[in-house]
Protein backbone atom coordinates (compact mmCIF):
# COMPACT_ATOMS: atom_id res chain seq x y z
CA MET A 1 1.82 3.71 -12.40
CA TYR A 2 4.73 5.72 -13.66
CA ARG A 3 2.62 8.81 -13.53
CA LEU A 4 -0.54 9.75 -11.97
CA GLY A 5 -3.16 7.85 -14.04
CA LYS A 6 -0.38 6.31 -16.50
CA VAL A 7 0.67 2.59 -16.58
CA ILE A 8 3.30 0.80 -18.57
CA LYS A 9 3.51 -3.02 -19.12
CA SER A 10 6.16 -4.78 -20.96
CA GLY A 11 7.29 -8.36 -22.12
CA THR A 12 4.89 -11.51 -21.93
CA ALA A 13 2.46 -12.05 -19.05
CA THR A 14 2.22 -15.77 -18.40
CA ASP A 15 2.44 -18.51 -15.63
CA SER A 16 5.25 -21.07 -15.33
CA GLY A 17 4.72 -24.49 -16.79
CA VAL A 18 1.80 -23.42 -18.93
CA SER A 19 3.83 -23.04 -22.28
CA ASN A 20 7.31 -22.95 -23.56
CA LEU A 21 7.05 -20.34 -26.36
CA PRO A 22 9.32 -17.16 -27.16
CA ALA A 23 8.53 -14.35 -25.04
CA ALA A 24 7.75 -10.69 -26.32
CA ALA A 25 9.93 -7.73 -26.18
CA THR A 26 6.86 -5.17 -26.86
CA ALA A 27 5.80 -2.64 -24.47
CA TYR A 28 2.60 -0.48 -23.97
CA VAL A 29 1.39 2.42 -22.16
CA LEU A 30 -2.25 3.25 -20.82
CA ASP A 31 -3.02 7.04 -19.99
CA MET A 32 -6.35 6.85 -17.87
CA ASN A 33 -6.54 10.52 -17.86
CA GLN A 34 -7.84 10.37 -21.46
CA PRO A 35 -11.60 10.56 -22.33
CA ALA A 36 -11.32 7.04 -24.02
CA PRO A 37 -8.15 5.33 -22.48
CA ALA A 38 -6.68 2.81 -24.83
CA TRP A 39 -3.29 0.64 -24.72
CA ARG A 40 -0.58 2.49 -26.94
CA GLN A 41 2.45 0.49 -28.23
CA ILE A 42 5.81 2.08 -27.64
CA ALA A 43 9.40 1.14 -28.59
CA SER A 44 10.11 -2.49 -27.52
CA MET A 45 12.69 -3.53 -25.05
CA ALA A 46 16.05 -4.75 -26.26
CA PHE A 47 15.30 -8.23 -25.01
CA PRO A 48 12.19 -10.37 -25.02
CA ARG A 49 11.17 -11.12 -21.47
CA ALA A 50 8.55 -13.08 -19.50
CA TYR A 51 8.79 -13.02 -15.43
CA GLN A 52 10.52 -9.82 -15.44
CA ASN A 53 10.14 -7.12 -12.74
CA THR A 54 9.36 -3.43 -13.45
CA THR A 55 10.66 -0.88 -10.80
CA LEU A 56 9.77 2.76 -10.52
CA LEU A 57 12.90 4.90 -9.65
CA PRO A 58 12.80 8.45 -7.96
CA ASP A 59 14.25 10.37 -11.12
CA GLY A 60 10.92 9.09 -12.92
CA ASN A 61 12.60 6.31 -15.08
CA VAL A 62 11.49 2.75 -15.14
CA LEU A 63 13.77 -0.05 -14.39
CA VAL A 64 13.15 -3.59 -15.87
CA THR A 65 15.13 -6.54 -14.48
CA GLY A 66 15.55 -10.22 -14.93
CA GLY A 67 13.19 -12.47 -16.97
CA GLU A 68 13.54 -15.34 -19.52
CA ARG A 69 13.35 -15.18 -23.24
CA ARG A 70 10.88 -18.18 -23.31
CA THR A 71 7.69 -18.69 -21.32
CA ASP A 72 8.34 -22.01 -19.33
CA GLY A 73 9.64 -19.96 -16.30
CA ALA A 74 12.32 -22.59 -15.52
CA ASP A 75 15.04 -22.62 -18.06
CA THR A 76 17.94 -20.46 -16.59
CA SER A 77 20.03 -20.87 -19.92
CA GLN A 78 17.29 -18.47 -21.45
CA ALA A 79 17.73 -15.83 -18.53
CA VAL A 80 18.09 -12.25 -19.46
CA TYR A 81 20.78 -10.56 -17.22
CA GLU A 82 20.92 -7.25 -18.71
CA ALA A 83 18.69 -4.72 -17.15
CA GLU A 84 16.71 -1.99 -19.04
CA LEU A 85 15.79 1.57 -18.25
CA TRP A 86 12.89 3.13 -19.84
CA SER A 87 12.33 7.00 -20.01
CA PRO A 88 8.76 8.30 -19.95
CA VAL A 89 10.12 11.46 -21.54
CA THR A 90 11.56 9.92 -24.76
CA GLU A 91 9.80 6.51 -24.48
CA THR A 92 12.97 4.70 -25.29
CA TRP A 93 15.05 1.94 -23.76
CA GLN A 94 18.57 1.90 -22.70
CA THR A 95 20.38 -1.44 -22.00
CA MET A 96 22.13 -1.34 -18.55
CA ALA A 97 24.71 -3.41 -16.45
CA PRO A 98 23.96 -7.18 -16.36
CA SER A 99 23.20 -8.91 -13.06
CA GLN A 100 24.95 -12.24 -12.08
CA VAL A 101 22.02 -14.39 -10.85
CA PRO A 102 19.18 -15.64 -13.36
CA ARG A 103 15.88 -14.11 -12.02
CA LEU A 104 12.66 -16.20 -13.52
CA TYR A 105 9.48 -17.33 -12.11
CA HIS A 106 9.07 -16.12 -8.50
CA SER A 107 11.70 -13.39 -8.91
CA THR A 108 11.25 -9.95 -7.06
CA ALA A 109 12.55 -6.36 -7.12
CA LEU A 110 12.19 -3.54 -4.51
CA LEU A 111 12.92 0.01 -4.52
CA LEU A 112 14.89 0.94 -1.24
CA PRO A 113 14.97 4.25 0.48
CA ASP A 114 18.48 4.96 -0.55
CA ALA A 115 17.17 4.76 -4.17
CA ARG A 116 19.03 1.54 -5.04
CA VAL A 117 16.87 -1.51 -6.02
CA LEU A 118 16.77 -4.87 -4.18
CA VAL A 119 16.53 -7.94 -6.64
CA ALA A 120 15.87 -11.47 -5.32
CA GLY A 121 14.05 -14.76 -5.71
CA GLY A 122 13.53 -16.97 -8.48
CA GLY A 123 12.71 -20.76 -8.61
CA ASN A 124 10.61 -22.44 -5.69
CA ASP A 125 8.30 -24.37 -8.10
CA GLY A 126 8.86 -27.90 -8.70
CA ALA A 127 12.17 -28.67 -10.16
CA MET A 128 13.24 -25.06 -10.64
CA VAL A 129 16.51 -23.92 -9.40
CA ASN A 130 16.10 -21.89 -6.22
CA GLN A 131 17.81 -18.54 -6.12
CA LEU A 132 18.59 -17.80 -2.47
CA GLN A 133 20.99 -14.96 -3.32
CA SER A 134 20.07 -11.46 -3.67
CA GLU A 135 21.70 -8.51 -5.51
CA ILE A 136 21.35 -4.83 -5.22
CA TYR A 137 21.40 -2.62 -8.53
CA SER A 138 22.73 1.01 -8.21
CA PRO A 139 21.19 3.05 -10.95
CA PRO A 140 23.48 5.43 -12.78
CA TYR A 141 22.22 8.47 -11.05
CA LEU A 142 24.27 7.31 -8.11
CA PHE A 143 27.45 7.82 -9.84
CA LYS A 144 26.89 11.29 -11.13
CA GLY A 145 28.22 13.21 -8.06
CA PRO A 146 27.18 14.05 -4.59
CA ARG A 147 23.71 13.48 -3.33
CA PRO A 148 21.30 16.02 -2.38
CA THR A 149 20.38 15.60 1.40
CA ILE A 150 17.10 16.00 3.46
CA THR A 151 17.85 17.16 6.97
CA SER A 152 14.22 17.49 7.98
CA ALA A 153 10.76 16.50 6.83
CA PRO A 154 7.41 15.94 8.58
CA GLN A 155 6.49 12.40 9.69
CA VAL A 156 2.86 12.92 9.11
CA VAL A 157 1.58 14.92 6.17
CA GLN A 158 -2.19 15.79 5.69
CA TYR A 159 -3.81 15.73 2.24
CA GLY A 160 -4.00 18.93 0.49
CA SER A 161 -1.66 20.70 3.00
CA ASN A 162 1.62 22.43 2.33
CA PHE A 163 4.66 21.11 4.35
CA VAL A 164 8.30 22.07 4.62
CA VAL A 165 11.31 20.04 3.79
CA GLN A 166 14.67 21.20 5.12
CA THR A 167 17.56 20.79 2.72
CA PRO A 168 20.86 22.85 2.11
CA ASP A 169 20.46 21.85 -1.41
CA ALA A 170 17.03 23.62 -2.00
CA ALA A 171 18.23 25.97 -4.84
CA ASN A 172 19.48 22.96 -6.84
CA ILE A 173 16.59 20.89 -6.53
CA ALA A 174 14.58 19.92 -9.85
CA SER A 175 11.88 17.53 -8.88
CA MET A 176 10.24 15.75 -5.78
CA ALA A 177 8.78 12.26 -5.92
CA LEU A 178 6.42 10.73 -3.50
CA MET A 179 6.79 7.06 -3.94
CA ARG A 180 4.63 4.36 -2.17
CA LEU A 181 6.43 1.46 -0.36
CA GLY A 182 6.65 -1.44 -2.63
CA ALA A 183 4.99 -4.87 -2.15
CA VAL A 184 6.01 -7.20 -4.86
CA THR A 185 5.41 -10.80 -5.90
CA HIS A 186 5.27 -12.72 -9.12
CA SER A 187 6.62 -9.84 -10.91
CA PHE A 188 3.88 -7.71 -9.91
CA ASP A 189 4.37 -4.77 -7.48
CA GLU A 190 0.94 -4.19 -5.91
CA GLU A 191 1.55 -0.79 -4.23
CA GLN A 192 3.89 0.77 -6.88
CA ARG A 193 2.75 4.71 -7.31
CA PHE A 194 5.02 7.58 -8.31
CA LEU A 195 3.68 11.19 -7.74
CA ASN A 196 5.43 14.23 -8.64
CA LEU A 197 5.10 16.96 -6.30
CA THR A 198 4.82 20.66 -6.76
CA PHE A 199 7.13 22.75 -4.49
CA GLN A 200 8.51 26.18 -4.10
CA GLN A 201 12.22 26.83 -3.26
CA GLY A 202 13.27 28.90 -0.12
CA VAL A 203 16.40 29.47 1.61
CA GLY A 204 17.51 26.03 2.83
CA SER A 205 13.89 24.73 2.51
CA LEU A 206 11.25 23.61 0.02
CA THR A 207 7.61 24.30 0.41
CA VAL A 208 5.79 21.29 -0.96
CA GLN A 209 2.14 20.64 -1.98
CA ALA A 210 0.67 17.20 -0.44
CA PRO A 211 -1.52 15.05 -2.76
CA ALA A 212 -4.96 16.54 -2.88
CA SER A 213 -6.74 13.31 -1.77
CA ALA A 214 -6.52 9.60 -1.02
CA ASN A 215 -7.72 8.99 -4.60
CA GLN A 216 -4.37 10.31 -5.59
CA ALA A 217 -2.23 8.55 -3.01
CA PRO A 218 -3.88 6.04 -0.55
CA PRO A 219 -3.42 6.70 3.21
CA GLY A 220 -0.07 5.14 4.52
CA PHE A 221 3.56 5.49 4.43
CA TYR A 222 5.69 6.79 1.50
CA LEU A 223 9.28 7.51 0.47
CA LEU A 224 9.92 11.16 0.04
CA PHE A 225 12.88 11.79 -2.55
CA ILE A 226 14.33 15.15 -3.78
CA VAL A 227 16.21 14.96 -7.10
CA ASN A 228 18.81 17.63 -8.11
CA THR A 229 19.25 19.27 -11.35
CA SER A 230 21.86 16.42 -12.42
CA GLY A 231 19.12 13.85 -11.73
CA ILE A 232 20.75 12.63 -8.50
CA PRO A 233 18.15 11.71 -5.84
CA SER A 234 18.52 11.92 -2.24
CA VAL A 235 17.96 9.13 0.44
CA ALA A 236 14.24 9.12 1.19
CA PRO A 237 12.87 9.65 4.66
CA PHE A 238 9.57 7.98 5.49
CA VAL A 239 6.36 10.02 5.32
CA ARG A 240 2.99 9.14 6.36
CA LEU A 241 0.17 10.30 4.28
CA ALA A 242 -2.99 10.78 6.61
CA SER A 243 -6.36 12.49 6.69
CA THR A 244 -7.50 14.33 9.85
CA PRO A 245 -11.14 13.28 10.71
CA THR A 246 -13.51 16.06 11.06
CA VAL A 247 -17.06 16.59 12.32
CA ILE A 248 -19.39 16.98 9.24
CA SER A 249 -22.78 17.39 11.14
CA THR A 250 -24.37 17.60 14.68
CA SER A 251 -27.56 17.00 16.27
CA PRO A 252 -28.95 19.25 17.52
CA ALA A 253 -27.45 21.74 15.01
CA SER A 254 -25.18 24.48 16.40
CA GLY A 255 -27.36 27.41 17.60
CA ALA A 256 -30.55 25.46 17.48
CA SER A 257 -33.17 26.42 20.03
CA GLY A 258 -36.44 24.94 21.33
CA ILE A 259 -34.68 21.50 21.56
CA SER A 260 -36.66 18.75 23.42
CA THR A 261 -35.12 18.18 27.04
CA GLY A 262 -35.21 14.58 26.12
CA THR A 263 -32.79 14.94 23.30
CA ASN A 264 -29.68 12.88 22.52
CA VAL A 265 -26.63 14.93 21.18
CA ALA A 266 -24.81 13.26 18.12
CA ALA A 267 -21.91 14.00 15.95
CA THR A 268 -21.19 12.45 12.69
CA PHE A 269 -17.58 12.18 11.58
CA SER A 270 -15.98 12.43 7.93
CA GLU A 271 -14.42 8.84 8.31
CA ALA A 272 -14.39 5.84 10.37
CA MET A 273 -13.48 6.45 13.89
CA ASP A 274 -11.93 4.22 16.57
CA ALA A 275 -14.69 3.35 18.79
CA SER A 276 -12.34 2.81 21.80
CA THR A 277 -11.43 6.64 21.72
CA ILE A 278 -15.06 7.85 21.70
CA ASN A 279 -16.31 7.74 25.44
CA SER A 280 -17.57 9.90 28.19
CA ASN A 281 -13.79 11.37 28.55
CA THR A 282 -13.88 12.56 24.90
CA PHE A 283 -17.48 13.47 24.45
CA GLU A 284 -19.02 15.97 26.82
CA LEU A 285 -22.22 17.89 27.58
CA ARG A 286 -21.85 21.02 29.91
CA ASP A 287 -24.49 23.20 31.43
CA PRO A 288 -24.14 27.14 31.80
CA ALA A 289 -22.33 26.61 34.98
CA ASN A 290 -19.61 24.24 33.21
CA THR A 291 -21.07 21.30 35.07
CA LEU A 292 -20.58 18.01 33.31
CA VAL A 293 -23.76 16.28 32.23
CA ALA A 294 -23.78 12.55 33.29
CA ALA A 295 -24.20 10.60 30.02
CA THR A 296 -23.66 7.41 28.25
CA VAL A 297 -21.63 7.65 24.93
CA THR A 298 -21.86 5.27 22.08
CA TYR A 299 -20.51 5.00 18.58
CA ASP A 300 -22.11 3.61 15.47
CA SER A 301 -19.45 2.47 12.98
CA ALA A 302 -22.09 2.13 10.03
CA SER A 303 -23.11 5.72 10.20
CA LYS A 304 -19.80 7.05 11.59
CA THR A 305 -21.89 8.77 14.15
CA ALA A 306 -21.04 9.40 18.07
CA THR A 307 -24.27 9.63 20.35
CA LEU A 308 -24.30 11.11 23.82
CA ASP A 309 -27.25 10.17 25.85
CA PRO A 310 -27.83 12.33 28.81
CA THR A 311 -28.75 10.30 32.04
CA PRO A 312 -30.93 13.06 33.61
CA THR A 313 -33.41 14.83 31.70
CA LEU A 314 -32.06 18.41 30.54
CA THR A 315 -33.66 21.39 31.91
CA ALA A 316 -35.52 24.03 30.00
CA PRO A 317 -34.82 26.77 28.84
CA THR A 318 -31.06 26.05 29.26
CA THR A 319 -28.11 26.48 26.81
CA TYR A 320 -25.74 23.31 26.79
CA THR A 321 -22.48 23.00 25.23
CA ALA A 322 -21.16 19.89 23.65
CA THR A 323 -17.42 19.26 22.97
CA ILE A 324 -15.63 16.49 21.18
CA LYS A 325 -11.96 16.49 22.17
CA GLY A 326 -9.07 16.73 19.79
CA GLY A 327 -5.72 18.41 19.56
CA ALA A 328 -2.48 17.06 20.47
CA THR A 329 -2.99 15.29 23.82
CA ASP A 330 -5.23 12.39 25.11
CA PRO A 331 -7.88 11.89 25.70
CA ARG A 332 -9.01 12.65 22.11
CA VAL A 333 -11.12 11.05 19.55
CA LYS A 334 -9.09 9.32 16.66
CA ASP A 335 -9.82 7.58 13.44
CA VAL A 336 -9.19 3.91 12.72
CA ALA A 337 -5.73 4.97 11.38
CA GLY A 338 -4.86 6.80 14.72
CA ASN A 339 -5.40 10.22 13.36
CA ALA A 340 -6.68 12.67 15.93
CA LEU A 341 -9.29 15.38 15.50
CA ALA A 342 -7.13 18.40 14.88
CA ALA A 343 -8.77 20.56 17.82
CA ASN A 344 -11.78 20.33 20.05
CA TYR A 345 -15.13 20.66 18.43
CA THR A 346 -17.62 22.59 20.21
CA TRP A 347 -21.15 23.71 19.51
CA SER A 348 -24.04 24.72 21.71
CA PHE A 349 -27.70 24.54 21.69
CA THR A 350 -30.85 25.44 23.74
CA THR A 351 -33.57 23.44 25.14
CA GLY A 352 -37.04 24.69 25.10
CA THR A 353 -40.22 23.49 24.19
CA SER A 354 -40.03 22.27 20.88
CA ALA A 355 1.25 8.79 -2.40
CA LEU A 356 23.58 1.58 -16.58
CA GLY A 357 24.59 1.30 -13.11
CA GLN A 358 26.30 -1.10 -10.79
CA TRP A 359 25.30 -4.13 -9.02
CA SER A 360 26.26 -5.22 -5.42
CA ALA A 361 28.05 -8.67 -5.01
CA PRO A 362 25.10 -11.31 -4.31
CA PHE A 363 24.50 -11.92 -0.83
CA ASN A 364 22.48 -14.86 0.81
CA LEU A 365 19.18 -14.20 2.17
CA GLY A 366 18.54 -17.85 3.25
CA LEU A 367 15.20 -18.18 1.48
CA VAL A 368 13.59 -17.58 -1.97
CA ALA A 369 12.22 -14.22 -1.65
CA VAL A 370 8.86 -14.84 -3.51
CA ASN A 371 7.34 -12.00 -1.63
CA MET A 372 8.78 -8.70 -0.57
CA VAL A 373 7.49 -5.77 1.07
CA LEU A 374 9.17 -2.48 2.34
CA MET A 375 8.02 -1.52 5.63
CA ARG A 376 7.72 1.76 7.41
CA THR A 377 10.82 0.67 9.57
CA GLY A 378 12.93 0.88 6.60
CA LYS A 379 13.26 -3.02 6.80
CA VAL A 380 11.90 -5.40 4.18
CA LEU A 381 9.61 -8.29 4.93
CA MET A 382 10.26 -11.36 2.73
CA TYR A 383 8.74 -14.78 2.55
CA SER A 384 9.23 -18.01 0.77
CA GLY A 385 7.20 -21.14 0.22
CA GLN A 386 6.11 -24.51 -0.47
CA ASP A 387 9.46 -26.35 0.01
CA ILE A 388 9.56 -25.37 3.67
CA GLY A 389 6.07 -25.45 4.69
CA GLY A 390 5.13 -22.10 3.53
CA THR A 391 5.84 -20.57 6.98
CA SER A 392 9.31 -19.24 6.41
CA ALA A 393 9.60 -15.41 6.48
CA SER A 394 12.47 -13.01 7.46
CA VAL A 395 13.17 -9.35 7.98
CA TRP A 396 16.10 -8.03 6.11
CA ASP A 397 17.78 -4.58 7.50
CA PRO A 398 19.47 -2.75 4.57
CA ALA A 399 21.13 -0.72 7.39
CA THR A 400 23.04 -3.78 8.90
CA GLY A 401 22.50 -6.51 6.10
CA THR A 402 20.99 -8.67 8.98
CA VAL A 403 18.43 -11.25 8.20
CA THR A 404 16.10 -12.03 11.11
CA PRO A 405 13.52 -14.95 10.79
CA VAL A 406 10.02 -14.04 11.58
CA PRO A 407 8.06 -17.25 10.74
CA ASN A 408 4.55 -17.42 10.39
CA ASN A 409 3.82 -20.71 12.25
CA GLN A 410 0.00 -20.38 11.74
CA THR A 411 -0.41 -20.28 8.12
CA ASN A 412 1.03 -21.32 4.86
CA ILE A 413 1.62 -18.02 3.09
CA PHE A 414 3.20 -19.23 -0.28
CA CYS A 415 1.94 -17.55 -3.07
CA SER A 416 -0.25 -14.96 -0.94
CA GLY A 417 -0.82 -11.38 -1.66
CA HIS A 418 -0.13 -8.46 0.48
CA SER A 419 -0.65 -4.80 1.08
CA ALA A 420 0.58 -2.17 3.67
CA LEU A 421 -2.13 -0.83 5.68
CA ALA A 422 -2.43 2.87 6.50
CA ASP A 423 -0.91 2.45 9.99
CA GLY A 424 2.11 0.54 8.40
CA ARG A 425 1.27 -2.93 9.32
CA ILE A 426 1.13 -5.55 6.53
CA LEU A 427 -1.89 -7.31 5.52
CA VAL A 428 -1.15 -10.91 4.02
CA VAL A 429 -4.04 -12.66 2.47
CA GLY A 430 -4.48 -16.14 0.76
CA GLY A 431 -1.73 -18.61 0.11
CA HIS A 432 -1.41 -22.49 0.19
CA ASP A 433 -3.44 -25.12 1.90
CA THR A 434 -0.79 -27.32 3.46
CA ALA A 435 -3.27 -30.18 4.02
CA ASN A 436 -4.59 -30.24 0.29
CA SER A 437 -1.80 -29.01 -1.95
CA ILE A 438 -4.31 -28.13 -4.95
CA LEU A 439 -6.34 -25.58 -2.94
CA GLY A 440 -5.52 -22.09 -2.09
CA SER A 441 -6.04 -20.69 1.34
CA ALA A 442 -8.73 -18.34 2.80
CA ASP A 443 -6.36 -17.28 5.57
CA ALA A 444 -5.55 -13.69 6.51
CA ASN A 445 -2.75 -12.51 8.72
CA ILE A 446 -1.28 -9.18 9.86
CA PHE A 447 2.55 -8.56 10.38
CA ASP A 448 3.47 -5.95 12.63
CA PRO A 449 6.74 -4.10 11.74
CA ALA A 450 7.21 -2.71 15.26
CA THR A 451 6.80 -6.01 17.13
CA GLN A 452 7.74 -8.06 14.19
CA LEU A 453 4.94 -10.78 15.12
CA TRP A 454 2.26 -12.24 12.94
CA THR A 455 -1.34 -12.18 14.07
CA SER A 456 -4.09 -14.39 12.38
CA LEU A 457 -7.34 -12.68 11.20
CA PRO A 458 -10.80 -14.47 10.51
CA LYS A 459 -10.66 -16.25 7.22
CA MET A 460 -11.78 -14.73 4.00
CA ALA A 461 -15.05 -15.89 2.32
CA TYR A 462 -12.82 -17.74 -0.45
CA ARG A 463 -9.78 -19.82 -0.89
CA ARG A 464 -7.16 -17.70 -2.93
CA TRP A 465 -4.00 -18.49 -4.88
CA TYR A 466 -2.00 -15.54 -6.08
CA PRO A 467 -4.48 -12.84 -4.86
CA THR A 468 -3.92 -9.14 -5.44
CA ALA A 469 -4.38 -6.85 -2.38
CA THR A 470 -4.80 -3.23 -3.26
CA THR A 471 -5.11 -0.33 -0.55
CA LEU A 472 -8.25 1.86 -1.41
CA GLY A 473 -8.54 5.73 -0.56
CA ASP A 474 -10.45 4.96 2.33
CA GLY A 475 -7.81 2.81 3.88
CA ARG A 476 -9.50 -0.64 3.31
CA VAL A 477 -7.93 -3.20 1.15
CA LEU A 478 -9.61 -4.74 -1.82
CA VAL A 479 -8.65 -8.54 -2.42
CA THR A 480 -9.05 -9.71 -5.85
CA ALA A 481 -8.78 -13.52 -6.76
CA ARG A 482 -6.61 -15.57 -8.79
CA ASP A 483 -7.43 -19.18 -8.50
CA ALA A 484 -9.16 -21.01 -5.73
CA ARG A 485 -7.42 -24.26 -7.03
CA GLN A 486 -3.94 -24.74 -7.97
CA VAL A 487 -4.95 -25.51 -11.70
CA ARG A 488 -2.88 -24.32 -14.78
CA LEU A 489 -5.30 -23.62 -17.60
CA ARG A 490 -4.90 -24.71 -21.16
CA GLN A 491 -4.81 -22.16 -24.04
CA GLY A 492 -8.26 -20.84 -24.65
CA GLN A 493 -9.73 -21.95 -21.46
CA GLN A 494 -11.50 -19.53 -19.04
CA ARG A 495 -11.93 -19.58 -15.22
CA ARG A 496 -15.56 -20.15 -14.21
CA PRO A 497 -17.51 -17.31 -13.04
CA VAL A 498 -17.61 -16.53 -9.48
CA GLU A 499 -19.24 -14.08 -7.18
CA ALA A 500 -17.62 -11.07 -5.38
CA ALA A 501 -17.68 -11.03 -1.45
CA ARG A 502 -16.93 -8.14 1.03
CA HIS A 503 -15.02 -8.48 4.20
CA ARG A 504 -15.53 -5.89 6.85
CA ASP A 505 -14.21 -5.65 10.25
CA GLY A 506 -13.10 -9.21 10.44
CA ALA A 507 -16.77 -10.42 9.89
CA ARG A 508 -17.28 -13.39 7.47
CA ALA A 509 -17.62 -12.47 3.93
CA ARG A 510 -21.03 -12.05 2.45
CA PRO A 511 -21.87 -12.37 -1.36
CA VAL A 512 -22.39 -9.12 -3.27
CA GLN A 513 -22.96 -8.69 -6.97
CA ASP A 514 -20.28 -9.06 -9.53
CA ARG A 515 -20.70 -6.05 -11.70
CA ARG A 516 -18.04 -6.80 -14.42
CA GLY A 517 -19.02 -7.44 -18.12
CA GLN A 518 -19.61 -11.07 -19.29
CA GLY A 519 -16.74 -10.58 -21.68
CA ALA A 520 -14.10 -10.31 -18.84
CA ILE A 521 -12.55 -13.31 -16.85
CA PRO A 522 -14.45 -13.17 -13.69
CA GLY A 523 -12.80 -13.12 -10.29
CA ARG A 524 -13.68 -13.09 -6.62
CA GLU A 525 -13.34 -9.93 -4.53
CA GLU A 526 -13.19 -9.01 -1.02
CA LEU A 527 -12.86 -5.85 1.01
CA LYS A 528 -10.77 -6.32 4.12
CA HIS A 529 -11.00 -3.45 6.72
CA ARG A 530 -7.84 -1.64 7.54
CA ARG A 531 -8.15 -2.41 11.12
């Protein structure tokens, strides 16, 4: 999504080994902000491409790297080495510097915090040539002059708020970009999102308007770039978009009178809360003498409601004060993403009766980077595939260039999907069944950037090859299927209809109705809870 609600696609979409036809150079854009959205053809690329990667850049342009002139996915003699840059302003393409390594099927590309692009992968499918070396592309904006700098930015930003970015270059800043951390596989970045932010210039600072809601930018970690009037971007700090939970209703209502002495006290929250933080230390009831009323506190995740059940019968007529604790210090209630109530919430009631450059030299990653995810630590999680059991994974550190193996010894994650959760952990779903090579996997795993450890989750309801994992506005992840079996379809064939399923809180998936039209190619869907 190169702008809010606007999407670009280019070249030929295909699967390796399905055909060996000339690829297309055509490109199209879709504006979902229009009353009747429709794909509109724009200028074609200079080169026909299949299996290319498309990467959004902080200056708002779109970079296309790699690809093949034909659709077989394996013929390196047909590789396209020249990068191309597309301008959303002019809707034209510019041919950029060529790379040194062919990038065909299973290649990947990822925007880094320093505004360069990491390009890797290719091969790892049958007799294809495995590309173990990576390259870094430096776009032309890095050769225009000194870069603007950000000296201070908040680590957490609330939706709809104003926040301050400190920079000595404030007077020379032309734009600001909030860009979600990339998560790319099979020439598709499942997380790319570019948001132009509105800001006001001050002396040594910028006052910035955050996205209005999670519908514009799902919760989680983003790169925050400032771009000067010469089109040169800064190095981006990591910023986490988060929503602060609020109390949206109480029972009894604030100021109510004539309340039964046998009443329970309840508060309903604006979003899903962490049940472990809701207890008698964070939800209290006190009498007029400020004496704590003994009580049992519970939380119902379905209704997002905390309930305080007083142990003794309340007295009447007496005014009681209920408090749910928030603020900056524990104990306090938090949502499932770890965001605390902004401040204590208190109410009373009375009882009674009633979001052309230069390439680096190739460098060896030691694996085919079929999947790459930029993590909140600034490091890149990447993993490979079937030739080594599907458990190989590594973390690459752009700061030091080191590659640290982090194997997933529990699951074959070759050709899986992935998405960054709101807390920065990485959800990996589906993959390859090692015991039966024609089957996809129903496995799900979490990778924690802080500990660099894998954790297995309950299995999904369906096996999945090449699933897509998409973070939603409420922090959950929608998993949509490709194939349950490793079957290549002949031209004109369709996949058989399947049903959708919902995953919540690690529970077994249960079928729900697939509401798509009969003309679409059906798929399986699941919702994976962000916890």
